[in-house]
mmCIF file of all heavy atoms, coordinates in Angstrom:
data_MODEL
# 
_entry.id   MODEL 
# 
loop_
_atom_site.group_PDB 
_atom_site.id 
_atom_site.type_symbol 
_atom_site.label_atom_id 
_atom_site.label_alt_id 
_atom_site.label_comp_id 
_atom_site.label_asym_id 
_atom_site.label_entity_id 
_atom_site.label_seq_id 
_atom_site.pdbx_PDB_ins_code 
_atom_site.Cartn_x 
_atom_site.Cartn_y 
_atom_site.Cartn_z 
_atom_site.occupancy 
_atom_site.B_iso_or_equiv 
_atom_site.pdbx_formal_charge 
_atom_site.auth_seq_id 
_atom_site.auth_comp_id 
_atom_site.auth_asym_id 
_atom_site.auth_atom_id 
_atom_site.pdbx_PDB_model_num 
ATOM 1   N N   . LEU A 1 1  ? 61.319 -43.018 61.603 1.00 0.00 ? 1  LEU A N   1 
ATOM 2   C CA  . LEU A 1 1  ? 60.179 -43.859 61.919 1.00 0.00 ? 1  LEU A CA  1 
ATOM 3   C C   . LEU A 1 1  ? 59.160 -43.686 60.814 1.00 0.00 ? 1  LEU A C   1 
ATOM 4   O O   . LEU A 1 1  ? 58.746 -42.556 60.515 1.00 0.00 ? 1  LEU A O   1 
ATOM 5   C CB  . LEU A 1 1  ? 59.568 -43.462 63.268 1.00 0.00 ? 1  LEU A CB  1 
ATOM 6   C CG  . LEU A 1 1  ? 58.266 -44.164 63.646 1.00 0.00 ? 1  LEU A CG  1 
ATOM 7   C CD1 . LEU A 1 1  ? 58.522 -45.649 63.904 1.00 0.00 ? 1  LEU A CD1 1 
ATOM 8   C CD2 . LEU A 1 1  ? 57.641 -43.504 64.856 1.00 0.00 ? 1  LEU A CD2 1 
ATOM 9   N N   . ASP A 1 2  ? 58.805 -44.761 60.172 1.00 0.00 ? 2  ASP A N   1 
ATOM 10  C CA  . ASP A 1 2  ? 57.782 -44.739 59.137 1.00 0.00 ? 2  ASP A CA  1 
ATOM 11  C C   . ASP A 1 2  ? 56.539 -45.411 59.692 1.00 0.00 ? 2  ASP A C   1 
ATOM 12  O O   . ASP A 1 2  ? 56.631 -46.364 60.465 1.00 0.00 ? 2  ASP A O   1 
ATOM 13  C CB  . ASP A 1 2  ? 58.253 -45.489 57.885 1.00 0.00 ? 2  ASP A CB  1 
ATOM 14  C CG  . ASP A 1 2  ? 59.505 -44.868 57.278 1.00 0.00 ? 2  ASP A CG  1 
ATOM 15  O OD1 . ASP A 1 2  ? 59.794 -43.700 57.554 1.00 0.00 ? 2  ASP A OD1 1 
ATOM 16  O OD2 . ASP A 1 2  ? 60.187 -45.566 56.512 1.00 0.00 ? 2  ASP A OD2 1 
ATOM 17  N N   . VAL A 1 3  ? 55.376 -44.921 59.311 1.00 0.00 ? 3  VAL A N   1 
ATOM 18  C CA  . VAL A 1 3  ? 54.117 -45.428 59.820 1.00 0.00 ? 3  VAL A CA  1 
ATOM 19  C C   . VAL A 1 3  ? 53.285 -45.950 58.656 1.00 0.00 ? 3  VAL A C   1 
ATOM 20  O O   . VAL A 1 3  ? 53.216 -45.320 57.601 1.00 0.00 ? 3  VAL A O   1 
ATOM 21  C CB  . VAL A 1 3  ? 53.350 -44.304 60.558 1.00 0.00 ? 3  VAL A CB  1 
ATOM 22  C CG1 . VAL A 1 3  ? 51.995 -44.781 61.036 1.00 0.00 ? 3  VAL A CG1 1 
ATOM 23  C CG2 . VAL A 1 3  ? 54.164 -43.762 61.701 1.00 0.00 ? 3  VAL A CG2 1 
ATOM 24  N N   . SER A 1 4  ? 52.651 -47.101 58.864 1.00 0.00 ? 4  SER A N   1 
ATOM 25  C CA  . SER A 1 4  ? 51.727 -47.663 57.888 1.00 0.00 ? 4  SER A CA  1 
ATOM 26  C C   . SER A 1 4  ? 50.338 -47.682 58.508 1.00 0.00 ? 4  SER A C   1 
ATOM 27  O O   . SER A 1 4  ? 50.151 -48.232 59.598 1.00 0.00 ? 4  SER A O   1 
ATOM 28  C CB  . SER A 1 4  ? 52.156 -49.078 57.498 1.00 0.00 ? 4  SER A CB  1 
ATOM 29  O OG  . SER A 1 4  ? 51.240 -49.642 56.594 1.00 0.00 ? 4  SER A OG  1 
ATOM 30  N N   . LEU A 1 5  ? 49.368 -47.065 57.837 1.00 0.00 ? 5  LEU A N   1 
ATOM 31  C CA  . LEU A 1 5  ? 48.007 -46.957 58.336 1.00 0.00 ? 5  LEU A CA  1 
ATOM 32  C C   . LEU A 1 5  ? 47.046 -47.606 57.351 1.00 0.00 ? 5  LEU A C   1 
ATOM 33  O O   . LEU A 1 5  ? 47.062 -47.281 56.166 1.00 0.00 ? 5  LEU A O   1 
ATOM 34  C CB  . LEU A 1 5  ? 47.619 -45.488 58.523 1.00 0.00 ? 5  LEU A CB  1 
ATOM 35  C CG  . LEU A 1 5  ? 48.557 -44.629 59.384 1.00 0.00 ? 5  LEU A CG  1 
ATOM 36  C CD1 . LEU A 1 5  ? 48.124 -43.180 59.329 1.00 0.00 ? 5  LEU A CD1 1 
ATOM 37  C CD2 . LEU A 1 5  ? 48.587 -45.142 60.801 1.00 0.00 ? 5  LEU A CD2 1 
ATOM 38  N N   . THR A 1 6  ? 46.204 -48.512 57.819 1.00 0.00 ? 6  THR A N   1 
ATOM 39  C CA  . THR A 1 6  ? 45.171 -49.113 56.992 1.00 0.00 ? 6  THR A CA  1 
ATOM 40  C C   . THR A 1 6  ? 43.953 -48.202 57.039 1.00 0.00 ? 6  THR A C   1 
ATOM 41  O O   . THR A 1 6  ? 43.451 -47.879 58.113 1.00 0.00 ? 6  THR A O   1 
ATOM 42  C CB  . THR A 1 6  ? 44.811 -50.521 57.500 1.00 0.00 ? 6  THR A CB  1 
ATOM 43  O OG1 . THR A 1 6  ? 45.992 -51.324 57.481 1.00 0.00 ? 6  THR A OG1 1 
ATOM 44  C CG2 . THR A 1 6  ? 43.762 -51.171 56.636 1.00 0.00 ? 6  THR A CG2 1 
ATOM 45  N N   . VAL A 1 7  ? 43.481 -47.791 55.871 1.00 0.00 ? 7  VAL A N   1 
ATOM 46  C CA  . VAL A 1 7  ? 42.426 -46.776 55.789 1.00 0.00 ? 7  VAL A CA  1 
ATOM 47  C C   . VAL A 1 7  ? 41.245 -47.275 54.958 1.00 0.00 ? 7  VAL A C   1 
ATOM 48  O O   . VAL A 1 7  ? 41.373 -48.191 54.148 1.00 0.00 ? 7  VAL A O   1 
ATOM 49  C CB  . VAL A 1 7  ? 42.980 -45.468 55.185 1.00 0.00 ? 7  VAL A CB  1 
ATOM 50  C CG1 . VAL A 1 7  ? 44.079 -44.888 56.075 1.00 0.00 ? 7  VAL A CG1 1 
ATOM 51  C CG2 . VAL A 1 7  ? 43.500 -45.674 53.772 1.00 0.00 ? 7  VAL A CG2 1 
ATOM 52  N N   . ALA A 1 8  ? 40.100 -46.639 55.150 1.00 0.00 ? 8  ALA A N   1 
ATOM 53  C CA  . ALA A 1 8  ? 38.875 -47.036 54.447 1.00 0.00 ? 8  ALA A CA  1 
ATOM 54  C C   . ALA A 1 8  ? 38.913 -46.664 52.969 1.00 0.00 ? 8  ALA A C   1 
ATOM 55  O O   . ALA A 1 8  ? 38.381 -47.387 52.129 1.00 0.00 ? 8  ALA A O   1 
ATOM 56  C CB  . ALA A 1 8  ? 37.656 -46.409 55.119 1.00 0.00 ? 8  ALA A CB  1 
ATOM 57  N N   . ASP A 1 9  ? 39.543 -45.527 52.641 1.00 0.00 ? 9  ASP A N   1 
ATOM 58  C CA  . ASP A 1 9  ? 39.589 -45.051 51.259 1.00 0.00 ? 9  ASP A CA  1 
ATOM 59  C C   . ASP A 1 9  ? 40.970 -44.440 51.023 1.00 0.00 ? 9  ASP A C   1 
ATOM 60  O O   . ASP A 1 9  ? 41.239 -43.311 51.427 1.00 0.00 ? 9  ASP A O   1 
ATOM 61  C CB  . ASP A 1 9  ? 38.488 -44.020 51.026 1.00 0.00 ? 9  ASP A CB  1 
ATOM 62  C CG  . ASP A 1 9  ? 38.420 -43.491 49.605 1.00 0.00 ? 9  ASP A CG  1 
ATOM 63  O OD1 . ASP A 1 9  ? 39.459 -43.466 48.902 1.00 0.00 ? 9  ASP A OD1 1 
ATOM 64  O OD2 . ASP A 1 9  ? 37.325 -43.085 49.195 1.00 0.00 ? 9  ASP A OD2 1 
ATOM 65  N N   . VAL A 1 10 ? 41.842 -45.205 50.371 1.00 0.00 ? 10 VAL A N   1 
ATOM 66  C CA  . VAL A 1 10 ? 43.241 -44.801 50.229 1.00 0.00 ? 10 VAL A CA  1 
ATOM 67  C C   . VAL A 1 10 ? 43.386 -43.482 49.467 1.00 0.00 ? 10 VAL A C   1 
ATOM 68  O O   . VAL A 1 10 ? 44.207 -42.640 49.836 1.00 0.00 ? 10 VAL A O   1 
ATOM 69  C CB  . VAL A 1 10 ? 44.088 -45.936 49.600 1.00 0.00 ? 10 VAL A CB  1 
ATOM 70  C CG1 . VAL A 1 10 ? 43.759 -46.163 48.148 1.00 0.00 ? 10 VAL A CG1 1 
ATOM 71  C CG2 . VAL A 1 10 ? 45.569 -45.680 49.787 1.00 0.00 ? 10 VAL A CG2 1 
ATOM 72  N N   . ARG A 1 11 ? 42.583 -43.258 48.443 1.00 0.00 ? 11 ARG A N   1 
ATOM 73  C CA  . ARG A 1 11 ? 42.672 -42.002 47.673 1.00 0.00 ? 11 ARG A CA  1 
ATOM 74  C C   . ARG A 1 11 ? 42.251 -40.820 48.549 1.00 0.00 ? 11 ARG A C   1 
ATOM 75  O O   . ARG A 1 11 ? 42.913 -39.788 48.564 1.00 0.00 ? 11 ARG A O   1 
ATOM 76  C CB  . ARG A 1 11 ? 41.801 -42.085 46.424 1.00 0.00 ? 11 ARG A CB  1 
ATOM 77  C CG  . ARG A 1 11 ? 41.765 -40.827 45.588 1.00 0.00 ? 11 ARG A CG  1 
ATOM 78  C CD  . ARG A 1 11 ? 43.075 -40.417 44.962 1.00 0.00 ? 11 ARG A CD  1 
ATOM 79  N NE  . ARG A 1 11 ? 43.546 -41.405 44.031 1.00 0.00 ? 11 ARG A NE  1 
ATOM 80  C CZ  . ARG A 1 11 ? 44.808 -41.523 43.652 1.00 0.00 ? 11 ARG A CZ  1 
ATOM 81  N NH1 . ARG A 1 11 ? 45.727 -40.705 44.141 1.00 0.00 ? 11 ARG A NH1 1 
ATOM 82  N NH2 . ARG A 1 11 ? 45.186 -42.454 42.814 1.00 0.00 ? 11 ARG A NH2 1 
ATOM 83  N N   . ARG A 1 12 ? 41.151 -40.977 49.291 1.00 0.00 ? 12 ARG A N   1 
ATOM 84  C CA  . ARG A 1 12 ? 40.688 -39.898 50.176 1.00 0.00 ? 12 ARG A CA  1 
ATOM 85  C C   . ARG A 1 12 ? 41.761 -39.563 51.207 1.00 0.00 ? 12 ARG A C   1 
ATOM 86  O O   . ARG A 1 12 ? 42.059 -38.389 51.449 1.00 0.00 ? 12 ARG A O   1 
ATOM 87  C CB  . ARG A 1 12 ? 39.395 -40.314 50.869 1.00 0.00 ? 12 ARG A CB  1 
ATOM 88  C CG  . ARG A 1 12 ? 38.891 -39.276 51.888 1.00 0.00 ? 12 ARG A CG  1 
ATOM 89  C CD  . ARG A 1 12 ? 37.738 -39.787 52.709 1.00 0.00 ? 12 ARG A CD  1 
ATOM 90  N NE  . ARG A 1 12 ? 38.232 -40.833 53.613 1.00 0.00 ? 12 ARG A NE  1 
ATOM 91  C CZ  . ARG A 1 12 ? 37.485 -41.495 54.456 1.00 0.00 ? 12 ARG A CZ  1 
ATOM 92  N NH1 . ARG A 1 12 ? 36.195 -41.264 54.525 1.00 0.00 ? 12 ARG A NH1 1 
ATOM 93  N NH2 . ARG A 1 12 ? 38.003 -42.414 55.250 1.00 0.00 ? 12 ARG A NH2 1 
ATOM 94  N N   . SER A 1 13 ? 42.363 -40.581 51.815 1.00 0.00 ? 13 SER A N   1 
ATOM 95  C CA  . SER A 1 13 ? 43.381 -40.340 52.834 1.00 0.00 ? 13 SER A CA  1 
ATOM 96  C C   . SER A 1 13 ? 44.615 -39.681 52.254 1.00 0.00 ? 13 SER A C   1 
ATOM 97  O O   . SER A 1 13 ? 45.160 -38.741 52.838 1.00 0.00 ? 13 SER A O   1 
ATOM 98  C CB  . SER A 1 13 ? 43.753 -41.652 53.530 1.00 0.00 ? 13 SER A CB  1 
ATOM 99  O OG  . SER A 1 13 ? 42.674 -42.103 54.315 1.00 0.00 ? 13 SER A OG  1 
ATOM 100 N N   . ALA A 1 14 ? 45.081 -40.157 51.106 1.00 0.00 ? 14 ALA A N   1 
ATOM 101 C CA  . ALA A 1 14 ? 46.268 -39.560 50.471 1.00 0.00 ? 14 ALA A CA  1 
ATOM 102 C C   . ALA A 1 14 ? 46.010 -38.092 50.141 1.00 0.00 ? 14 ALA A C   1 
ATOM 103 O O   . ALA A 1 14 ? 46.870 -37.232 50.387 1.00 0.00 ? 14 ALA A O   1 
ATOM 104 C CB  . ALA A 1 14 ? 46.651 -40.343 49.227 1.00 0.00 ? 14 ALA A CB  1 
ATOM 105 N N   . THR A 1 15 ? 44.838 -37.808 49.628 1.00 0.00 ? 15 THR A N   1 
ATOM 106 C CA  . THR A 1 15 ? 44.476 -36.426 49.304 1.00 0.00 ? 15 THR A CA  1 
ATOM 107 C C   . THR A 1 15 ? 44.435 -35.578 50.568 1.00 0.00 ? 15 THR A C   1 
ATOM 108 O O   . THR A 1 15 ? 44.927 -34.449 50.585 1.00 0.00 ? 15 THR A O   1 
ATOM 109 C CB  . THR A 1 15 ? 43.123 -36.391 48.573 1.00 0.00 ? 15 THR A CB  1 
ATOM 110 O OG1 . THR A 1 15 ? 43.246 -37.136 47.350 1.00 0.00 ? 15 THR A OG1 1 
ATOM 111 C CG2 . THR A 1 15 ? 42.687 -34.974 48.266 1.00 0.00 ? 15 THR A CG2 1 
ATOM 112 N N   . TRP A 1 16 ? 43.877 -36.115 51.654 1.00 0.00 ? 16 TRP A N   1 
ATOM 113 C CA  . TRP A 1 16 ? 43.789 -35.381 52.919 1.00 0.00 ? 16 TRP A CA  1 
ATOM 114 C C   . TRP A 1 16 ? 45.185 -35.057 53.435 1.00 0.00 ? 16 TRP A C   1 
ATOM 115 O O   . TRP A 1 16 ? 45.464 -33.901 53.789 1.00 0.00 ? 16 TRP A O   1 
ATOM 116 C CB  . TRP A 1 16 ? 43.009 -36.202 53.945 1.00 0.00 ? 16 TRP A CB  1 
ATOM 117 C CG  . TRP A 1 16 ? 42.713 -35.456 55.208 1.00 0.00 ? 16 TRP A CG  1 
ATOM 118 C CD1 . TRP A 1 16 ? 41.643 -34.653 55.463 1.00 0.00 ? 16 TRP A CD1 1 
ATOM 119 C CD2 . TRP A 1 16 ? 43.518 -35.438 56.404 1.00 0.00 ? 16 TRP A CD2 1 
ATOM 120 N NE1 . TRP A 1 16 ? 41.722 -34.143 56.736 1.00 0.00 ? 16 TRP A NE1 1 
ATOM 121 C CE2 . TRP A 1 16 ? 42.859 -34.606 57.342 1.00 0.00 ? 16 TRP A CE2 1 
ATOM 122 C CE3 . TRP A 1 16 ? 44.711 -36.042 56.765 1.00 0.00 ? 16 TRP A CE3 1 
ATOM 123 C CZ2 . TRP A 1 16 ? 43.365 -34.363 58.610 1.00 0.00 ? 16 TRP A CZ2 1 
ATOM 124 C CZ3 . TRP A 1 16 ? 45.221 -35.807 58.033 1.00 0.00 ? 16 TRP A CZ3 1 
ATOM 125 C CH2 . TRP A 1 16 ? 44.554 -34.980 58.942 1.00 0.00 ? 16 TRP A CH2 1 
ATOM 126 N N   . TYR A 1 17 ? 46.079 -36.036 53.500 1.00 0.00 ? 17 TYR A N   1 
ATOM 127 C CA  . TYR A 1 17 ? 47.438 -35.789 54.001 1.00 0.00 ? 17 TYR A CA  1 
ATOM 128 C C   . TYR A 1 17 ? 48.174 -34.778 53.121 1.00 0.00 ? 17 TYR A C   1 
ATOM 129 O O   . TYR A 1 17 ? 48.952 -33.965 53.608 1.00 0.00 ? 17 TYR A O   1 
ATOM 130 C CB  . TYR A 1 17 ? 48.226 -37.090 54.121 1.00 0.00 ? 17 TYR A CB  1 
ATOM 131 C CG  . TYR A 1 17 ? 47.929 -37.842 55.392 1.00 0.00 ? 17 TYR A CG  1 
ATOM 132 C CD1 . TYR A 1 17 ? 46.902 -38.780 55.447 1.00 0.00 ? 17 TYR A CD1 1 
ATOM 133 C CD2 . TYR A 1 17 ? 48.652 -37.601 56.558 1.00 0.00 ? 17 TYR A CD2 1 
ATOM 134 C CE1 . TYR A 1 17 ? 46.604 -39.455 56.626 1.00 0.00 ? 17 TYR A CE1 1 
ATOM 135 C CE2 . TYR A 1 17 ? 48.368 -38.269 57.737 1.00 0.00 ? 17 TYR A CE2 1 
ATOM 136 C CZ  . TYR A 1 17 ? 47.344 -39.196 57.766 1.00 0.00 ? 17 TYR A CZ  1 
ATOM 137 O OH  . TYR A 1 17 ? 47.052 -39.847 58.934 1.00 0.00 ? 17 TYR A OH  1 
ATOM 138 N N   . HIS A 1 18 ? 47.920 -34.827 51.830 1.00 0.00 ? 18 HIS A N   1 
ATOM 139 C CA  . HIS A 1 18 ? 48.566 -33.901 50.897 1.00 0.00 ? 18 HIS A CA  1 
ATOM 140 C C   . HIS A 1 18 ? 47.993 -32.486 51.029 1.00 0.00 ? 18 HIS A C   1 
ATOM 141 O O   . HIS A 1 18 ? 48.732 -31.527 51.236 1.00 0.00 ? 18 HIS A O   1 
ATOM 142 C CB  . HIS A 1 18 ? 48.411 -34.420 49.471 1.00 0.00 ? 18 HIS A CB  1 
ATOM 143 C CG  . HIS A 1 18 ? 48.949 -33.509 48.432 1.00 0.00 ? 18 HIS A CG  1 
ATOM 144 N ND1 . HIS A 1 18 ? 50.293 -33.232 48.304 1.00 0.00 ? 18 HIS A ND1 1 
ATOM 145 C CD2 . HIS A 1 18 ? 48.325 -32.788 47.468 1.00 0.00 ? 18 HIS A CD2 1 
ATOM 146 C CE1 . HIS A 1 18 ? 50.479 -32.391 47.306 1.00 0.00 ? 18 HIS A CE1 1 
ATOM 147 N NE2 . HIS A 1 18 ? 49.284 -32.097 46.794 1.00 0.00 ? 18 HIS A NE2 1 
ATOM 148 N N   . GLU A 1 19 ? 46.672 -32.363 50.934 1.00 0.00 ? 19 GLU A N   1 
ATOM 149 C CA  . GLU A 1 19 ? 46.054 -31.039 50.899 1.00 0.00 ? 19 GLU A CA  1 
ATOM 150 C C   . GLU A 1 19 ? 45.925 -30.384 52.267 1.00 0.00 ? 19 GLU A C   1 
ATOM 151 O O   . GLU A 1 19 ? 46.097 -29.179 52.399 1.00 0.00 ? 19 GLU A O   1 
ATOM 152 C CB  . GLU A 1 19 ? 44.684 -31.121 50.223 1.00 0.00 ? 19 GLU A CB  1 
ATOM 153 C CG  . GLU A 1 19 ? 44.801 -31.440 48.749 1.00 0.00 ? 19 GLU A CG  1 
ATOM 154 C CD  . GLU A 1 19 ? 43.456 -31.519 48.050 1.00 0.00 ? 19 GLU A CD  1 
ATOM 155 O OE1 . GLU A 1 19 ? 42.409 -31.309 48.703 1.00 0.00 ? 19 GLU A OE1 1 
ATOM 156 O OE2 . GLU A 1 19 ? 43.459 -31.812 46.838 1.00 0.00 ? 19 GLU A OE2 1 
ATOM 157 N N   . VAL A 1 20 ? 45.630 -31.162 53.294 1.00 0.00 ? 20 VAL A N   1 
ATOM 158 C CA  . VAL A 1 20 ? 45.404 -30.594 54.623 1.00 0.00 ? 20 VAL A CA  1 
ATOM 159 C C   . VAL A 1 20 ? 46.711 -30.363 55.364 1.00 0.00 ? 20 VAL A C   1 
ATOM 160 O O   . VAL A 1 20 ? 46.898 -29.328 56.012 1.00 0.00 ? 20 VAL A O   1 
ATOM 161 C CB  . VAL A 1 20 ? 44.456 -31.501 55.452 1.00 0.00 ? 20 VAL A CB  1 
ATOM 162 C CG1 . VAL A 1 20 ? 44.349 -31.024 56.882 1.00 0.00 ? 20 VAL A CG1 1 
ATOM 163 C CG2 . VAL A 1 20 ? 43.073 -31.556 54.797 1.00 0.00 ? 20 VAL A CG2 1 
ATOM 164 N N   . LEU A 1 21 ? 47.648 -31.309 55.271 1.00 0.00 ? 21 LEU A N   1 
ATOM 165 C CA  . LEU A 1 21 ? 48.872 -31.218 56.059 1.00 0.00 ? 21 LEU A CA  1 
ATOM 166 C C   . LEU A 1 21 ? 50.110 -30.855 55.252 1.00 0.00 ? 21 LEU A C   1 
ATOM 167 O O   . LEU A 1 21 ? 51.135 -30.503 55.824 1.00 0.00 ? 21 LEU A O   1 
ATOM 168 C CB  . LEU A 1 21 ? 49.115 -32.545 56.801 1.00 0.00 ? 21 LEU A CB  1 
ATOM 169 C CG  . LEU A 1 21 ? 48.009 -32.948 57.773 1.00 0.00 ? 21 LEU A CG  1 
ATOM 170 C CD1 . LEU A 1 21 ? 48.340 -34.288 58.410 1.00 0.00 ? 21 LEU A CD1 1 
ATOM 171 C CD2 . LEU A 1 21 ? 47.779 -31.879 58.825 1.00 0.00 ? 21 LEU A CD2 1 
ATOM 172 N N   . GLY A 1 22 ? 50.058 -30.991 53.933 1.00 0.00 ? 22 GLY A N   1 
ATOM 173 C CA  . GLY A 1 22 ? 51.203 -30.600 53.117 1.00 0.00 ? 22 GLY A CA  1 
ATOM 174 C C   . GLY A 1 22 ? 52.199 -31.699 52.812 1.00 0.00 ? 22 GLY A C   1 
ATOM 175 O O   . GLY A 1 22 ? 53.303 -31.430 52.338 1.00 0.00 ? 22 GLY A O   1 
ATOM 176 N N   . PHE A 1 23 ? 51.844 -32.963 53.082 1.00 0.00 ? 23 PHE A N   1 
ATOM 177 C CA  . PHE A 1 23 ? 52.714 -34.072 52.683 1.00 0.00 ? 23 PHE A CA  1 
ATOM 178 C C   . PHE A 1 23 ? 52.788 -34.126 51.163 1.00 0.00 ? 23 PHE A C   1 
ATOM 179 O O   . PHE A 1 23 ? 51.839 -33.750 50.472 1.00 0.00 ? 23 PHE A O   1 
ATOM 180 C CB  . PHE A 1 23 ? 52.154 -35.409 53.186 1.00 0.00 ? 23 PHE A CB  1 
ATOM 181 C CG  . PHE A 1 23 ? 52.473 -35.721 54.614 1.00 0.00 ? 23 PHE A CG  1 
ATOM 182 C CD1 . PHE A 1 23 ? 51.792 -35.103 55.648 1.00 0.00 ? 23 PHE A CD1 1 
ATOM 183 C CD2 . PHE A 1 23 ? 53.460 -36.649 54.929 1.00 0.00 ? 23 PHE A CD2 1 
ATOM 184 C CE1 . PHE A 1 23 ? 52.081 -35.392 56.966 1.00 0.00 ? 23 PHE A CE1 1 
ATOM 185 C CE2 . PHE A 1 23 ? 53.751 -36.954 56.248 1.00 0.00 ? 23 PHE A CE2 1 
ATOM 186 C CZ  . PHE A 1 23 ? 53.059 -36.325 57.269 1.00 0.00 ? 23 PHE A CZ  1 
ATOM 187 N N   . THR A 1 24 ? 53.907 -34.591 50.636 1.00 0.00 ? 24 THR A N   1 
ATOM 188 C CA  . THR A 1 24 ? 53.998 -34.839 49.202 1.00 0.00 ? 24 THR A CA  1 
ATOM 189 C C   . THR A 1 24 ? 53.683 -36.307 48.936 1.00 0.00 ? 24 THR A C   1 
ATOM 190 O O   . THR A 1 24 ? 53.945 -37.171 49.774 1.00 0.00 ? 24 THR A O   1 
ATOM 191 C CB  . THR A 1 24 ? 55.400 -34.509 48.646 1.00 0.00 ? 24 THR A CB  1 
ATOM 192 O OG1 . THR A 1 24 ? 56.370 -35.321 49.309 1.00 0.00 ? 24 THR A OG1 1 
ATOM 193 C CG2 . THR A 1 24 ? 55.738 -33.046 48.827 1.00 0.00 ? 24 THR A CG2 1 
# 
C-alpha cells in the first residue's frame, strides 16, 4: 500500500519523514 499526501511544504515534510522516522 502506497500513500500520497498533499503537504504545505514538500521539503519540510520529506526532511521530517527522513530525520524523525528514518524513511529514505
